[in-house]
Amino acid sequence: MTRIPSALLLALAHFSAYADVAPEPPVETNYLGTLIFGILFVGLCVGFVWMVWRNEKNQKGKAKE
């Protein structure tokens, strides 16, 4: 019973080694989309850090009272 999975793995490795795959064309980059994503990502990270810092500051103020 244990020979079946090992034989399947060996067959898969053998067949994948001889598979002919056509090369994919190069991916076209969208610089505007990348720029918008970068701005949104950095903005969301900065906003998250600011909100955590502000909440922490409020919690310390409430603890002193």
N, C-alpha and C. Protein backbone atom coordinates (compact mmCIF):
# COMPACT_ATOMS: atom_id res chain seq x y z
N MET A 1 0.81 -1.19 0.00
CA MET A 1 0.00 0.00 0.00
C MET A 1 0.86 1.26 0.00
N THR A 2 2.00 1.21 0.68
CA THR A 2 2.85 2.40 0.73
C THR A 2 3.62 2.59 -0.58
N ARG A 3 3.65 1.58 -1.41
CA ARG A 3 4.36 1.71 -2.69
C ARG A 3 3.59 2.58 -3.68
N ILE A 4 2.27 2.64 -3.56
CA ILE A 4 1.46 3.40 -4.52
C ILE A 4 1.75 4.90 -4.43
N PRO A 5 1.73 5.52 -3.23
CA PRO A 5 2.03 6.96 -3.19
C PRO A 5 3.45 7.28 -3.64
N SER A 6 4.41 6.44 -3.26
CA SER A 6 5.78 6.71 -3.68
C SER A 6 5.93 6.54 -5.19
N ALA A 7 5.24 5.58 -5.77
CA ALA A 7 5.30 5.40 -7.22
C ALA A 7 4.65 6.57 -7.94
N LEU A 8 3.55 7.08 -7.39
CA LEU A 8 2.90 8.24 -7.99
C LEU A 8 3.79 9.48 -7.93
N LEU A 9 4.46 9.67 -6.81
CA LEU A 9 5.37 10.81 -6.68
C LEU A 9 6.54 10.70 -7.66
N LEU A 10 7.09 9.51 -7.80
CA LEU A 10 8.18 9.31 -8.75
C LEU A 10 7.71 9.52 -10.19
N ALA A 11 6.51 9.04 -10.50
CA ALA A 11 5.98 9.22 -11.86
C ALA A 11 5.73 10.70 -12.13
N LEU A 12 5.17 11.40 -11.16
CA LEU A 12 4.94 12.83 -11.32
C LEU A 12 6.25 13.59 -11.54
N ALA A 13 7.27 13.25 -10.78
CA ALA A 13 8.57 13.90 -10.96
C ALA A 13 9.16 13.57 -12.33
N HIS A 14 9.02 12.34 -12.76
CA HIS A 14 9.54 11.93 -14.06
C HIS A 14 8.83 12.64 -15.20
N PHE A 15 7.50 12.67 -15.15
CA PHE A 15 6.75 13.29 -16.24
C PHE A 15 6.91 14.80 -16.26
N SER A 16 7.03 15.42 -15.10
CA SER A 16 7.21 16.87 -15.08
C SER A 16 8.59 17.27 -15.58
N ALA A 17 9.57 16.40 -15.45
CA ALA A 17 10.91 16.71 -15.94
C ALA A 17 10.94 16.74 -17.47
N TYR A 18 10.08 15.98 -18.11
CA TYR A 18 10.07 15.91 -19.57
C TYR A 18 8.90 16.67 -20.21
N ALA A 19 8.22 17.47 -19.43
CA ALA A 19 7.09 18.23 -19.97
C ALA A 19 7.61 19.40 -20.80
N ASP A 20 7.01 19.60 -21.95
CA ASP A 20 7.36 20.73 -22.80
C ASP A 20 6.35 21.85 -22.55
N VAL A 21 6.85 22.93 -22.01
CA VAL A 21 5.98 24.07 -21.70
C VAL A 21 6.48 25.25 -22.51
N ALA A 22 5.56 25.89 -23.21
CA ALA A 22 5.94 27.05 -24.00
C ALA A 22 6.25 28.22 -23.06
N PRO A 23 7.25 29.01 -23.39
CA PRO A 23 7.56 30.15 -22.52
C PRO A 23 6.44 31.18 -22.55
N GLU A 24 6.18 31.75 -21.40
CA GLU A 24 5.12 32.74 -21.30
C GLU A 24 5.62 34.09 -21.79
N PRO A 25 4.75 34.87 -22.40
CA PRO A 25 5.18 36.20 -22.83
C PRO A 25 5.44 37.08 -21.61
N PRO A 26 6.30 38.07 -21.75
CA PRO A 26 6.58 38.93 -20.60
C PRO A 26 5.33 39.68 -20.14
N VAL A 27 5.25 39.90 -18.87
CA VAL A 27 4.09 40.57 -18.29
C VAL A 27 4.24 42.07 -18.50
N GLU A 28 3.17 42.68 -18.98
CA GLU A 28 3.19 44.12 -19.16
C GLU A 28 2.92 44.77 -17.81
N THR A 29 3.74 45.76 -17.47
CA THR A 29 3.56 46.43 -16.18
C THR A 29 2.72 47.67 -16.36
N ASN A 30 1.89 47.93 -15.39
CA ASN A 30 1.04 49.10 -15.38
C ASN A 30 1.61 50.05 -14.32
N TYR A 31 2.38 51.04 -14.75
CA TYR A 31 3.07 51.90 -13.81
C TYR A 31 2.10 52.78 -13.03
N LEU A 32 1.03 53.20 -13.65
CA LEU A 32 0.06 54.04 -12.96
C LEU A 32 -0.62 53.24 -11.85
N GLY A 33 -1.02 52.02 -12.14
CA GLY A 33 -1.64 51.17 -11.13
C GLY A 33 -0.68 50.85 -9.98
N THR A 34 0.59 50.61 -10.31
CA THR A 34 1.58 50.35 -9.28
C THR A 34 1.78 51.57 -8.40
N LEU A 35 1.80 52.75 -9.00
CA LEU A 35 1.97 53.99 -8.24
C LEU A 35 0.77 54.22 -7.32
N ILE A 36 -0.43 54.04 -7.84
CA ILE A 36 -1.63 54.21 -7.01
C ILE A 36 -1.65 53.21 -5.86
N PHE A 37 -1.30 51.97 -6.15
CA PHE A 37 -1.24 50.96 -5.10
C PHE A 37 -0.23 51.34 -4.04
N GLY A 38 0.95 51.80 -4.44
CA GLY A 38 1.98 52.19 -3.48
C GLY A 38 1.53 53.34 -2.60
N ILE A 39 0.90 54.34 -3.19
CA ILE A 39 0.42 55.48 -2.41
C ILE A 39 -0.66 55.05 -1.42
N LEU A 40 -1.60 54.24 -1.88
CA LEU A 40 -2.66 53.76 -0.99
C LEU A 40 -2.10 52.87 0.12
N PHE A 41 -1.17 52.01 -0.22
CA PHE A 41 -0.59 51.10 0.78
C PHE A 41 0.15 51.88 1.85
N VAL A 42 1.00 52.81 1.43
CA VAL A 42 1.75 53.62 2.41
C VAL A 42 0.79 54.47 3.23
N GLY A 43 -0.21 55.06 2.58
CA GLY A 43 -1.18 55.87 3.30
C GLY A 43 -1.96 55.09 4.34
N LEU A 44 -2.37 53.87 3.98
CA LEU A 44 -3.09 53.04 4.93
C LEU A 44 -2.19 52.61 6.10
N CYS A 45 -0.94 52.32 5.82
CA CYS A 45 -0.01 51.96 6.90
C CYS A 45 0.20 53.13 7.85
N VAL A 46 0.41 54.33 7.29
CA VAL A 46 0.60 55.51 8.12
C VAL A 46 -0.67 55.81 8.92
N GLY A 47 -1.83 55.70 8.30
CA GLY A 47 -3.08 55.92 9.00
C GLY A 47 -3.30 54.93 10.13
N PHE A 48 -2.94 53.67 9.91
CA PHE A 48 -3.09 52.66 10.95
C PHE A 48 -2.18 52.95 12.14
N VAL A 49 -0.92 53.29 11.85
CA VAL A 49 0.02 53.61 12.92
C VAL A 49 -0.45 54.85 13.69
N TRP A 50 -0.95 55.86 12.98
CA TRP A 50 -1.43 57.07 13.64
C TRP A 50 -2.63 56.77 14.55
N MET A 51 -3.56 55.94 14.08
CA MET A 51 -4.73 55.62 14.89
C MET A 51 -4.34 54.81 16.13
N VAL A 52 -3.40 53.89 15.99
CA VAL A 52 -2.93 53.12 17.15
C VAL A 52 -2.25 54.04 18.14
N TRP A 53 -1.41 54.94 17.65
CA TRP A 53 -0.70 55.87 18.53
C TRP A 53 -1.70 56.79 19.24
N ARG A 54 -2.71 57.28 18.52
CA ARG A 54 -3.71 58.16 19.10
C ARG A 54 -4.52 57.42 20.16
N ASN A 55 -4.90 56.19 19.89
CA ASN A 55 -5.68 55.39 20.84
C ASN A 55 -4.85 55.11 22.08
N GLU A 56 -3.57 54.82 21.90
CA GLU A 56 -2.69 54.56 23.04
C GLU A 56 -2.56 55.82 23.90
N LYS A 57 -2.46 56.96 23.26
CA LYS A 57 -2.36 58.23 23.98
C LYS A 57 -3.64 58.49 24.77
N ASN A 58 -4.80 58.21 24.17
CA ASN A 58 -6.08 58.39 24.87
C ASN A 58 -6.20 57.43 26.06
N GLN A 59 -5.73 56.20 25.90
CA GLN A 59 -5.79 55.22 27.00
C GLN A 59 -4.91 55.66 28.15
N LYS A 60 -3.74 56.23 27.88
CA LYS A 60 -2.86 56.71 28.95
C LYS A 60 -3.49 57.90 29.66
N GLY A 61 -4.17 58.77 28.92
CA GLY A 61 -4.85 59.91 29.52
C GLY A 61 -5.98 59.48 30.44
N LYS A 62 -6.72 58.45 30.05
CA LYS A 62 -7.81 57.94 30.88
C LYS A 62 -7.28 57.24 32.11
N ALA A 63 -6.12 56.59 32.01
CA ALA A 63 -5.54 55.88 33.15
C ALA A 63 -5.06 56.86 34.22
N LYS A 64 -4.60 58.05 33.80
CA LYS A 64 -4.11 59.04 34.78
C LYS A 64 -5.27 59.66 35.56
N GLU A 65 -6.46 59.70 34.99
CA GLU A 65 -7.60 60.32 35.66
C GLU A 65 -8.17 59.48 36.75
